C-alpha atoms as a PDB file:
ATOM      1  CA  MET A   1     -12.117  -6.609 -18.132  1.00  0.00           C
ATOM      2  CA  THR A   2      -9.237  -8.261 -16.290  1.00  0.00           C
ATOM      3  CA  ARG A   3      -8.104  -6.508 -13.133  1.00  0.00           C
ATOM      4  CA  ARG A   4      -4.370  -6.523 -12.506  1.00  0.00           C
ATOM      5  CA  ILE A   5      -2.112  -7.037  -9.492  1.00  0.00           C
ATOM      6  CA  VAL A   6       1.654  -6.498  -9.581  1.00  0.00           C
ATOM      7  CA  SER A   7       3.975  -7.964  -6.954  1.00  0.00           C
ATOM      8  CA  ILE A   8       7.590  -6.772  -6.956  1.00  0.00           C
ATOM      9  CA  GLY A   9      10.580  -8.488  -5.415  1.00  0.00           C
ATOM     10  CA  GLU A  10      12.986 -11.400  -5.457  1.00  0.00           C
ATOM     11  CA  CYS A  11      12.270 -15.014  -6.341  1.00  0.00           C
ATOM     12  CA  MET A  12      14.894 -17.375  -4.952  1.00  0.00           C
ATOM     13  CA  ILE A  13      15.754 -21.035  -5.164  1.00  0.00           C
ATOM     14  CA  GLU A  14      14.465 -22.619  -1.951  1.00  0.00           C
ATOM     15  CA  MET A  15      15.967 -25.775  -0.486  1.00  0.00           C
ATOM     16  CA  SER A  16      13.655 -27.103   2.222  1.00  0.00           C
ATOM     17  CA  GLY A  17      13.461 -30.282   4.265  1.00  0.00           C
ATOM     18  CA  GLY A  18      16.942 -31.328   5.296  1.00  0.00           C
ATOM     19  CA  GLU A  19      16.122 -34.638   6.961  1.00  0.00           C
ATOM     20  CA  ASP A  20      19.073 -36.979   6.376  1.00  0.00           C
ATOM     21  CA  ARG A  21      20.590 -34.135   4.360  1.00  0.00           C
ATOM     22  CA  THR A  22      17.909 -34.536   1.701  1.00  0.00           C
ATOM     23  CA  TYR A  23      16.405 -31.294   0.468  1.00  0.00           C
ATOM     24  CA  ARG A  24      13.492 -30.410  -1.790  1.00  0.00           C
ATOM     25  CA  LEU A  25      14.134 -27.778  -4.441  1.00  0.00           C
ATOM     26  CA  GLY A  26      11.468 -25.152  -4.865  1.00  0.00           C
ATOM     27  CA  TYR A  27      11.105 -21.487  -5.705  1.00  0.00           C
ATOM     28  CA  ALA A  28       9.984 -18.831  -3.242  1.00  0.00           C
ATOM     29  CA  GLY A  29      10.537 -15.330  -1.912  1.00  0.00           C
ATOM     30  CA  ASP A  30       8.391 -13.123   0.271  1.00  0.00           C
ATOM     31  CA  THR A  31       6.597 -11.145  -2.440  1.00  0.00           C
ATOM     32  CA  LEU A  32       6.353 -14.189  -4.701  1.00  0.00           C
ATOM     33  CA  ASN A  33       4.797 -16.160  -1.849  1.00  0.00           C
ATOM     34  CA  SER A  34       2.133 -13.495  -1.402  1.00  0.00           C
ATOM     35  CA  ALA A  35       1.540 -13.397  -5.160  1.00  0.00           C
ATOM     36  CA  TRP A  36       1.097 -17.185  -5.111  1.00  0.00           C
ATOM     37  CA  TYR A  37      -1.724 -16.966  -2.574  1.00  0.00           C
ATOM     38  CA  LEU A  38      -3.290 -13.958  -4.268  1.00  0.00           C
ATOM     39  CA  ARG A  39      -3.370 -16.007  -7.470  1.00  0.00           C
ATOM     40  CA  ALA A  40      -4.787 -19.037  -5.653  1.00  0.00           C
ATOM     41  CA  LEU A  41      -7.585 -17.088  -3.984  1.00  0.00           C
ATOM     42  CA  LEU A  42      -8.678 -14.661  -6.690  1.00  0.00           C
ATOM     43  CA  GLY A  43     -10.859 -15.502  -9.669  1.00  0.00           C
ATOM     44  CA  LYS A  44     -10.094 -15.485 -13.376  1.00  0.00           C
ATOM     45  CA  ASP A  45     -11.095 -11.837 -13.628  1.00  0.00           C
ATOM     46  CA  TRP A  46      -7.793 -11.003 -11.920  1.00  0.00           C
ATOM     47  CA  SER A  47      -4.283 -11.286 -13.329  1.00  0.00           C
ATOM     48  CA  VAL A  48      -1.264 -11.490 -11.017  1.00  0.00           C
ATOM     49  CA  ASP A  49       2.103 -10.422 -12.445  1.00  0.00           C
ATOM     50  CA  TYR A  50       5.461 -10.896 -10.784  1.00  0.00           C
ATOM     51  CA  VAL A  51       8.097  -8.241 -11.380  1.00  0.00           C
ATOM     52  CA  THR A  52      11.704  -9.224 -10.774  1.00  0.00           C
ATOM     53  CA  ALA A  53      14.937  -9.864 -12.654  1.00  0.00           C
ATOM     54  CA  LEU A  54      16.472 -13.219 -13.567  1.00  0.00           C
ATOM     55  CA  GLY A  55      19.462 -14.474 -15.522  1.00  0.00           C
ATOM     56  CA  GLU A  56      19.786 -16.749 -18.530  1.00  0.00           C
ATOM     57  CA  ASP A  57      20.757 -19.897 -16.633  1.00  0.00           C
ATOM     58  CA  ARG A  58      18.849 -23.130 -16.177  1.00  0.00           C
ATOM     59  CA  TYR A  59      17.258 -22.129 -12.876  1.00  0.00           C
ATOM     60  CA  SER A  60      16.181 -18.707 -14.131  1.00  0.00           C
ATOM     61  CA  ASN A  61      14.472 -20.446 -17.037  1.00  0.00           C
ATOM     62  CA  ASP A  62      12.884 -22.942 -14.657  1.00  0.00           C
ATOM     63  CA  ILE A  63      11.526 -20.105 -12.499  1.00  0.00           C
ATOM     64  CA  ARG A  64       9.930 -18.469 -15.532  1.00  0.00           C
ATOM     65  CA  ALA A  65       8.365 -21.782 -16.549  1.00  0.00           C
ATOM     66  CA  PHE A  66       7.197 -22.446 -12.980  1.00  0.00           C
ATOM     67  CA  LEU A  67       5.460 -19.069 -12.794  1.00  0.00           C
ATOM     68  CA  ASP A  68       3.917 -19.458 -16.234  1.00  0.00           C
ATOM     69  CA  ASP A  69       2.640 -22.933 -15.336  1.00  0.00           C
ATOM     70  CA  ASN A  70       0.938 -21.465 -12.263  1.00  0.00           C
ATOM     71  CA  ASN A  71      -0.672 -18.509 -14.057  1.00  0.00           C
ATOM     72  CA  ILE A  72       1.576 -15.862 -12.559  1.00  0.00           C
ATOM     73  CA  GLY A  73       2.551 -13.354 -15.221  1.00  0.00           C
ATOM     74  CA  THR A  74       6.199 -13.183 -16.315  1.00  0.00           C
ATOM     75  CA  GLY A  75       5.930 -10.526 -19.017  1.00  0.00           C
ATOM     76  CA  HIS A  76       7.728  -7.901 -16.930  1.00  0.00           C
ATOM     77  CA  ILE A  77      10.601 -10.040 -15.651  1.00  0.00           C
ATOM     78  CA  GLN A  78      13.868  -8.511 -16.833  1.00  0.00           C
ATOM     79  CA  THR A  79      16.780 -10.630 -18.039  1.00  0.00           C
ATOM     80  CA  ILE A  80      20.220  -9.738 -16.652  1.00  0.00           C
ATOM     81  CA  PRO A  81      23.069 -11.607 -18.371  1.00  0.00           C
ATOM     82  CA  ASP A  82      25.716 -13.102 -16.054  1.00  0.00           C
ATOM     83  CA  ARG A  83      23.377 -12.945 -13.050  1.00  0.00           C
ATOM     84  CA  ARG A  84      21.467 -15.787 -11.394  1.00  0.00           C
ATOM     85  CA  PRO A  85      18.700 -16.258  -8.811  1.00  0.00           C
ATOM     86  CA  GLY A  86      19.615 -16.176  -5.157  1.00  0.00           C
ATOM     87  CA  LEU A  87      19.400 -19.359  -3.103  1.00  0.00           C
ATOM     88  CA  TYR A  88      18.498 -20.141   0.483  1.00  0.00           C
ATOM     89  CA  MET A  89      18.309 -23.252   2.639  1.00  0.00           C
ATOM     90  CA  ILE A  90      15.859 -23.794   5.496  1.00  0.00           C
ATOM     91  CA  HIS A  91      17.147 -25.627   8.542  1.00  0.00           C
ATOM     92  CA  GLN A  92      14.606 -26.712  11.157  1.00  0.00           C
ATOM     93  CA  GLU A  93      15.808 -26.834  14.751  1.00  0.00           C
ATOM     94  CA  LYS A  94      13.705 -27.137  17.911  1.00  0.00           C
ATOM     95  CA  GLY A  95      10.550 -26.095  16.093  1.00  0.00           C
ATOM     96  CA  ASP A  96      12.064 -22.954  14.590  1.00  0.00           C
ATOM     97  CA  ARG A  97      13.443 -22.061  11.176  1.00  0.00           C
ATOM     98  CA  HIS A  98      16.975 -21.001  10.412  1.00  0.00           C
ATOM     99  CA  PHE A  99      17.964 -19.654   7.001  1.00  0.00           C
ATOM    100  CA  THR A 100      21.250 -19.602   5.118  1.00  0.00           C
ATOM    101  CA  TYR A 101      21.382 -17.353   2.035  1.00  0.00           C
ATOM    102  CA  TRP A 102      23.481 -17.049  -1.109  1.00  0.00           C
ATOM    103  CA  ARG A 103      22.328 -13.946  -2.970  1.00  0.00           C
ATOM    104  CA  ASP A 104      25.390 -11.772  -3.686  1.00  0.00           C
ATOM    105  CA  THR A 105      24.984 -12.107  -7.471  1.00  0.00           C
ATOM    106  CA  SER A 106      21.175 -12.206  -7.489  1.00  0.00           C
ATOM    107  CA  ALA A 107      19.726 -10.712 -10.670  1.00  0.00           C
ATOM    108  CA  ALA A 108      16.843  -9.319  -8.624  1.00  0.00           C
ATOM    109  CA  LYS A 109      19.186  -6.729  -7.134  1.00  0.00           C
ATOM    110  CA  LEU A 110      18.997  -5.005 -10.524  1.00  0.00           C
ATOM    111  CA  LEU A 111      15.204  -5.158 -10.968  1.00  0.00           C
ATOM    112  CA  ALA A 112      14.875  -1.366 -10.670  1.00  0.00           C
ATOM    113  CA  ASP A 113      17.822  -0.348 -12.828  1.00  0.00           C
ATOM    114  CA  ASP A 114      15.664   0.202 -15.923  1.00  0.00           C
ATOM    115  CA  LYS A 115      13.299   3.067 -15.102  1.00  0.00           C
ATOM    116  CA  THR A 116      11.254   2.670 -18.286  1.00  0.00           C
ATOM    117  CA  ALA A 117      10.729  -1.065 -17.796  1.00  0.00           C
ATOM    118  CA  LEU A 118       9.696  -0.468 -14.200  1.00  0.00           C
ATOM    119  CA  ALA A 119       7.118   2.148 -15.218  1.00  0.00           C
ATOM    120  CA  LYS A 120       5.639  -0.230 -17.795  1.00  0.00           C
ATOM    121  CA  ALA A 121       5.519  -3.043 -15.256  1.00  0.00           C
ATOM    122  CA  VAL A 122       3.197  -1.176 -12.877  1.00  0.00           C
ATOM    123  CA  GLU A 123       1.139   0.557 -15.567  1.00  0.00           C
ATOM    124  CA  GLY A 124      -2.558  -0.244 -15.263  1.00  0.00           C
ATOM    125  CA  ALA A 125      -2.227  -2.094 -11.966  1.00  0.00           C
ATOM    126  CA  GLU A 126      -5.084  -1.969  -9.496  1.00  0.00           C
ATOM    127  CA  LEU A 127      -2.829  -3.166  -6.658  1.00  0.00           C
ATOM    128  CA  VAL A 128       0.955  -2.919  -6.367  1.00  0.00           C
ATOM    129  CA  TYR A 129       2.592  -4.987  -3.628  1.00  0.00           C
ATOM    130  CA  PHE A 130       6.201  -4.866  -2.439  1.00  0.00           C
ATOM    131  CA  SER A 131       8.199  -5.395   0.744  1.00  0.00           C
ATOM    132  CA  GLY A 132      11.083  -4.267   2.883  1.00  0.00           C
ATOM    133  CA  ILE A 133      13.159  -7.045   1.351  1.00  0.00           C
ATOM    134  CA  THR A 134      12.421  -5.664  -2.120  1.00  0.00           C
ATOM    135  CA  LEU A 135      13.913  -2.354  -0.963  1.00  0.00           C
ATOM    136  CA  ALA A 136      16.756  -3.887   1.031  1.00  0.00           C
ATOM    137  CA  ILE A 137      18.327  -5.735  -1.901  1.00  0.00           C
ATOM    138  CA  LEU A 138      18.426  -2.618  -4.101  1.00  0.00           C
ATOM    139  CA  ALA A 139      21.130   0.023  -4.282  1.00  0.00           C
ATOM    140  CA  PRO A 140      20.029   3.402  -2.877  1.00  0.00           C
ATOM    141  CA  ARG A 141      19.357   5.016  -6.279  1.00  0.00           C
ATOM    142  CA  ALA A 142      17.442   1.942  -7.411  1.00  0.00           C
ATOM    143  CA  ARG A 143      15.255   2.231  -4.323  1.00  0.00           C
ATOM    144  CA  GLY A 144      14.463   5.759  -5.394  1.00  0.00           C
ATOM    145  CA  ARG A 145      13.492   4.579  -8.875  1.00  0.00           C
ATOM    146  CA  LEU A 146      11.241   1.896  -7.446  1.00  0.00           C
ATOM    147  CA  LEU A 147       9.517   4.271  -5.051  1.00  0.00           C
ATOM    148  CA  GLY A 148       9.114   6.794  -7.870  1.00  0.00           C
ATOM    149  CA  ALA A 149       7.350   4.164  -9.985  1.00  0.00           C
ATOM    150  CA  ILE A 150       5.132   3.280  -7.035  1.00  0.00           C
ATOM    151  CA  VAL A 151       4.175   6.930  -6.499  1.00  0.00           C
ATOM    152  CA  LYS A 152       3.255   7.221 -10.174  1.00  0.00           C
ATOM    153  CA  ALA A 153       1.180   4.016  -9.983  1.00  0.00           C
ATOM    154  CA  ARG A 154      -0.662   5.396  -6.964  1.00  0.00           C
ATOM    155  CA  ASP A 155      -1.259   8.692  -8.729  1.00  0.00           C
ATOM    156  CA  ASN A 156      -2.808   6.671 -11.555  1.00  0.00           C
ATOM    157  CA  GLY A 157      -5.242   4.968  -9.195  1.00  0.00           C
ATOM    158  CA  ALA A 158      -3.438   1.884  -7.905  1.00  0.00           C
ATOM    159  CA  LYS A 159      -3.689   0.809  -4.289  1.00  0.00           C
ATOM    160  CA  ILE A 160      -0.254   0.249  -2.748  1.00  0.00           C
ATOM    161  CA  ALA A 161       0.334  -2.544  -0.214  1.00  0.00           C
ATOM    162  CA  PHE A 162       3.609  -2.970   1.674  1.00  0.00           C
ATOM    163  CA  ASP A 163       4.968  -5.576   4.074  1.00  0.00           C
ATOM    164  CA  THR A 164       7.855  -3.935   5.927  1.00  0.00           C
ATOM    165  CA  ASN A 165       9.464  -7.388   6.402  1.00  0.00           C
ATOM    166  CA  LEU A 166      12.494  -6.290   8.381  1.00  0.00           C
ATOM    167  CA  ARG A 167      15.743  -8.128   7.623  1.00  0.00           C
ATOM    168  CA  PRO A 168      18.534  -6.240   9.442  1.00  0.00           C
ATOM    169  CA  ALA A 169      21.307  -8.289   7.803  1.00  0.00           C
ATOM    170  CA  LEU A 170      20.357  -6.827   4.405  1.00  0.00           C
ATOM    171  CA  TRP A 171      20.713  -3.202   5.510  1.00  0.00           C
ATOM    172  CA  SER A 172      23.799  -1.061   6.096  1.00  0.00           C
ATOM    173  CA  SER A 173      22.482   0.112   9.480  1.00  0.00           C
ATOM    174  CA  PRO A 174      19.326   0.134  11.616  1.00  0.00           C
ATOM    175  CA  ARG A 175      19.038   3.883  11.018  1.00  0.00           C
ATOM    176  CA  VAL A 176      18.985   3.474   7.243  1.00  0.00           C
ATOM    177  CA  MET A 177      16.534   0.573   7.494  1.00  0.00           C
ATOM    178  CA  ALA A 178      14.148   2.546   9.711  1.00  0.00           C
ATOM    179  CA  GLY A 179      14.348   5.628   7.526  1.00  0.00           C
ATOM    180  CA  VAL A 180      13.752   3.855   4.215  1.00  0.00           C
ATOM    181  CA  LEU A 181      10.927   1.687   5.528  1.00  0.00           C
ATOM    182  CA  THR A 182       9.191   4.671   7.113  1.00  0.00           C
ATOM    183  CA  ALA A 183       9.491   6.701   3.923  1.00  0.00           C
ATOM    184  CA  ALA A 184       8.145   3.799   1.857  1.00  0.00           C
ATOM    185  CA  ALA A 185       5.233   3.190   4.219  1.00  0.00           C
ATOM    186  CA  SER A 186       4.184   6.821   3.955  1.00  0.00           C
ATOM    187  CA  LEU A 187       3.441   6.213   0.257  1.00  0.00           C
ATOM    188  CA  CYS A 188       1.183   3.236   0.905  1.00  0.00           C
ATOM    189  CA  ASP A 189      -2.513   2.568   1.427  1.00  0.00           C
ATOM    190  CA  ILE A 190      -2.097  -0.753   3.266  1.00  0.00           C
ATOM    191  CA  VAL A 191       0.880  -1.684   5.448  1.00  0.00           C
ATOM    192  CA  LEU A 192       1.279  -5.198   6.872  1.00  0.00           C
ATOM    193  CA  PRO A 193       4.033  -5.146   9.549  1.00  0.00           C
ATOM    194  CA  THR A 194       4.968  -7.828  12.083  1.00  0.00           C
ATOM    195  CA  HIS A 195       5.009  -6.440  15.620  1.00  0.00           C
ATOM    196  CA  THR A 196       7.817  -8.625  17.000  1.00  0.00           C
ATOM    197  CA  ASP A 197      10.093  -7.531  14.151  1.00  0.00           C
ATOM    198  CA  GLU A 198       9.191  -3.860  14.458  1.00  0.00           C
ATOM    199  CA  ALA A 199       9.420  -3.505  18.235  1.00  0.00           C
ATOM    200  CA  PRO A 200      13.231  -3.679  18.592  1.00  0.00           C
ATOM    201  CA  LEU A 201      13.795  -1.138  15.817  1.00  0.00           C
ATOM    202  CA  PHE A 202      11.030   1.366  16.539  1.00  0.00           C
ATOM    203  CA  GLY A 203      10.461   0.811  20.263  1.00  0.00           C
ATOM    204  CA  ASP A 204       6.831  -0.271  19.895  1.00  0.00           C
ATOM    205  CA  LYS A 205       5.621  -1.733  23.185  1.00  0.00           C
ATOM    206  CA  THR A 206       2.300  -3.036  21.863  1.00  0.00           C
ATOM    207  CA  VAL A 207       0.652  -3.931  18.566  1.00  0.00           C
ATOM    208  CA  ASP A 208      -1.362  -0.727  18.956  1.00  0.00           C
ATOM    209  CA  ASP A 209       1.883   1.260  19.044  1.00  0.00           C
ATOM    210  CA  THR A 210       2.895  -0.332  15.764  1.00  0.00           C
ATOM    211  CA  ALA A 211      -0.472   0.431  14.194  1.00  0.00           C
ATOM    212  CA  ASP A 212      -0.519   4.008  15.505  1.00  0.00           C
ATOM    213  CA  ARG A 213       2.923   4.755  14.100  1.00  0.00           C
ATOM    214  CA  TYR A 214       1.833   3.844  10.579  1.00  0.00           C
ATOM    215  CA  LEU A 215      -1.565   5.508  10.855  1.00  0.00           C
ATOM    216  CA  GLU A 216       0.227   8.725  11.812  1.00  0.00           C
ATOM    217  CA  LEU A 217       2.102   8.515   8.511  1.00  0.00           C
ATOM    218  CA  GLY A 218      -1.211   8.626   6.669  1.00  0.00           C
ATOM    219  CA  VAL A 219      -1.565   4.900   5.977  1.00  0.00           C
ATOM    220  CA  GLU A 220      -5.252   4.038   5.604  1.00  0.00           C
ATOM    221  CA  GLU A 221      -5.162   0.410   6.751  1.00  0.00           C
ATOM    222  CA  VAL A 222      -2.571  -1.226   9.021  1.00  0.00           C
ATOM    223  CA  VAL A 223      -2.527  -4.999   9.490  1.00  0.00           C
ATOM    224  CA  VAL A 224      -0.242  -5.870  12.412  1.00  0.00           C
ATOM    225  CA  LYS A 225       0.711  -9.536  12.555  1.00  0.00           C
ATOM    226  CA  ASP A 226       2.010 -10.991  15.808  1.00  0.00           C
ATOM    227  CA  GLY A 227       2.864 -14.642  15.203  1.00  0.00           C
ATOM    228  CA  SER A 228       0.484 -17.006  16.971  1.00  0.00           C
ATOM    229  CA  LYS A 229      -1.164 -14.102  18.814  1.00  0.00           C
ATOM    230  CA  GLU A 230      -4.014 -11.877  17.681  1.00  0.00           C
ATOM    231  CA  ALA A 231      -3.592  -9.792  14.560  1.00  0.00           C
ATOM    232  CA  LEU A 232      -4.673  -6.157  14.836  1.00  0.00           C
ATOM    233  CA  ILE A 233      -6.279  -4.467  11.853  1.00  0.00           C
ATOM    234  CA  ALA A 234      -6.503  -0.721  12.348  1.00  0.00           C
ATOM    235  CA  THR A 235      -7.874   2.234  10.413  1.00  0.00           C
ATOM    236  CA  ALA A 236      -8.541   5.785  11.542  1.00  0.00           C
ATOM    237  CA  THR A 237     -12.035   4.742  12.695  1.00  0.00           C
ATOM    238  CA  GLU A 238     -11.914   1.005  13.412  1.00  0.00           C
ATOM    239  CA  ARG A 239      -9.805  -1.583  15.253  1.00  0.00           C
ATOM    240  CA  VAL A 240     -10.342  -5.323  14.874  1.00  0.00           C
ATOM    241  CA  ARG A 241      -8.440  -8.031  16.730  1.00  0.00           C
ATOM    242  CA  ILE A 242      -8.530 -11.548  15.306  1.00  0.00           C
ATOM    243  CA  ALA A 243      -6.866 -14.592  16.835  1.00  0.00           C
ATOM    244  CA  PRO A 244      -5.684 -17.476  14.631  1.00  0.00           C
ATOM    245  CA  PRO A 245      -7.644 -20.741  14.786  1.00  0.00           C
ATOM    246  CA  ALA A 246      -6.614 -22.999  17.653  1.00  0.00           C
ATOM    247  CA  GLY A 247      -4.835 -26.279  17.119  1.00  0.00           C
ATOM    248  CA  ALA A 248      -2.778 -25.523  14.022  1.00  0.00           C
ATOM    249  CA  LYS A 249       0.171 -27.897  13.733  1.00  0.00           C
ATOM    250  CA  VAL A 250       3.443 -26.246  12.783  1.00  0.00           C
ATOM    251  CA  VAL A 251       5.491 -28.322  10.341  1.00  0.00           C
ATOM    252  CA  ASP A 252       7.285 -25.404   8.675  1.00  0.00           C
ATOM    253  CA  ALA A 253       6.432 -21.762   9.345  1.00  0.00           C
ATOM    254  CA  THR A 254       8.166 -20.562   6.183  1.00  0.00           C
ATOM    255  CA  GLY A 255       5.884 -18.228   4.256  1.00  0.00           C
ATOM    256  CA  ALA A 256       3.271 -17.958   7.011  1.00  0.00           C
ATOM    257  CA  GLY A 257       3.224 -14.172   7.045  1.00  0.00           C
ATOM    258  CA  ASP A 258       3.418 -13.965   3.263  1.00  0.00           C
ATOM    259  CA  SER A 259       0.436 -16.289   2.861  1.00  0.00           C
ATOM    260  CA  PHE A 260      -1.441 -14.257   5.479  1.00  0.00           C
ATOM    261  CA  ASN A 261      -0.784 -11.140   3.384  1.00  0.00           C
ATOM    262  CA  GLY A 262      -1.898 -12.762   0.152  1.00  0.00           C
ATOM    263  CA  ALA A 263      -5.095 -14.100   1.669  1.00  0.00           C
ATOM    264  CA  TYR A 264      -5.863 -10.823   3.448  1.00  0.00           C
ATOM    265  CA  LEU A 265      -5.373  -8.716   0.330  1.00  0.00           C
ATOM    266  CA  SER A 266      -7.371 -11.118  -1.856  1.00  0.00           C
ATOM    267  CA  ALA A 267     -10.278 -10.957   0.593  1.00  0.00           C
ATOM    268  CA  ARG A 268     -10.174  -7.167   0.702  1.00  0.00           C
ATOM    269  CA  LEU A 269     -10.061  -6.985  -3.097  1.00  0.00           C
ATOM    270  CA  ASN A 270     -13.157  -9.191  -3.114  1.00  0.00           C
ATOM    271  CA  GLY A 271     -14.953  -6.696  -0.871  1.00  0.00           C
ATOM    272  CA  LYS A 272     -14.627  -8.546   2.440  1.00  0.00           C
ATOM    273  CA  SER A 273     -14.661  -6.666   5.753  1.00  0.00           C
ATOM    274  CA  LEU A 274     -11.539  -6.185   7.865  1.00  0.00           C
ATOM    275  CA  ARG A 275     -12.701  -8.959  10.188  1.00  0.00           C
ATOM    276  CA  ASP A 276     -13.557 -11.434   7.444  1.00  0.00           C
ATOM    277  CA  ALA A 277     -10.307 -10.718   5.629  1.00  0.00           C
ATOM    278  CA  ALA A 278      -8.227 -11.300   8.769  1.00  0.00           C
ATOM    279  CA  GLU A 279     -10.054 -14.528   9.533  1.00  0.00           C
ATOM    280  CA  ALA A 280      -9.431 -15.749   5.989  1.00  0.00           C
ATOM    281  CA  ALA A 281      -5.767 -14.775   6.300  1.00  0.00           C
ATOM    282  CA  HIS A 282      -5.327 -16.718   9.536  1.00  0.00           C
ATOM    283  CA  ARG A 283      -6.998 -19.777   7.993  1.00  0.00           C
ATOM    284  CA  THR A 284      -4.670 -19.701   5.010  1.00  0.00           C
ATOM    285  CA  ALA A 285      -1.556 -19.234   7.134  1.00  0.00           C
ATOM    286  CA  GLY A 286      -2.703 -22.105   9.349  1.00  0.00           C
ATOM    287  CA  ILE A 287      -2.791 -24.394   6.322  1.00  0.00           C
ATOM    288  CA  VAL A 288       0.588 -23.230   5.024  1.00  0.00           C
ATOM    289  CA  ILE A 289       2.455 -23.866   8.288  1.00  0.00           C
ATOM    290  CA  GLY A 290       1.239 -27.462   8.203  1.00  0.00           C
ATOM    291  CA  HIS A 291       3.312 -28.156   5.083  1.00  0.00           C
ATOM    292  CA  LYS A 292       6.974 -27.905   4.143  1.00  0.00           C
ATOM    293  CA  GLY A 293       8.157 -24.967   2.096  1.00  0.00           C
ATOM    294  CA  ALA A 294       6.596 -21.585   1.450  1.00  0.00           C
ATOM    295  CA  LEU A 295       4.224 -22.557  -1.363  1.00  0.00           C
ATOM    296  CA  VAL A 296       1.510 -25.165  -0.931  1.00  0.00           C
ATOM    297  CA  ASP A 297      -0.826 -26.614  -3.545  1.00  0.00           C
ATOM    298  CA  PRO A 298      -3.382 -23.867  -4.309  1.00  0.00           C
ATOM    299  CA  LYS A 299      -6.199 -26.392  -3.927  1.00  0.00           C
ATOM    300  CA  LEU A 300      -5.376 -26.702  -0.230  1.00  0.00           C
ATOM    301  CA  VAL A 301      -6.185 -23.044   0.462  1.00  0.00           C
ATOM    302  CA  GLN A 302      -9.134 -22.803  -1.918  1.00  0.00           C
ATOM    303  CA  ALA A 303     -11.336 -25.214   0.035  1.00  0.00           C
END
């Protein structure tokens, strides 16, 4: 029997490159990126569905076809007339990424407006994955509907994984952001925060502080990423620190954390230990940052 993963969020048009003002069009978004690597690293006994909303325009149709062509399920993507996908451009400067977004009329902002469709989308899932960006783009009542569907999925046996993925510009205030993300994390089995993003908001001085804060909420497994430094994987009884492989060349760090998440979760779903899963995640992220754009050829990470 096929086992099912559901990833919920926003797929955007990605314009990467920029040399001589020449850009490469692709499709990406934090939860889609993670779904991409979950799909790449899991066998045929798993299905990976992406839950979002798109319009009826050319690029919405292209996104559906792109996902279908790469064996990512589109059966629960809602269609919102007169809406389109968001768009972002990546600008590289002095070895770092800078993003410019156009997402005011993104269809994905309405992905949780239909409560019945949302319930059907997560029904039967073994893992449900979402992020702080998923929550940030939704109106307050829609956030409540999404979290309600996630609670029901968990009650029905699904594991819930959550990347807090802080994006202050998407929130009305730091207080609201902190409150919503904390409430969401308390519903989850696995939380995958990034320490350098969390520290300014929550006052975490160390990666252990970040892990402890989520463990105190009742989270079973906390995976604290810290850029090129060691990742900390913490449970109530175990702490594992894993450094990324040395010598990775950074061409474009877009999607590094998302690919880490996808590889980590795929390894855990395949029964790997915390240590083995983190090592696999670092390896995958190391490959991804050596290529432009968030999504690399699945064959590159399957070797």
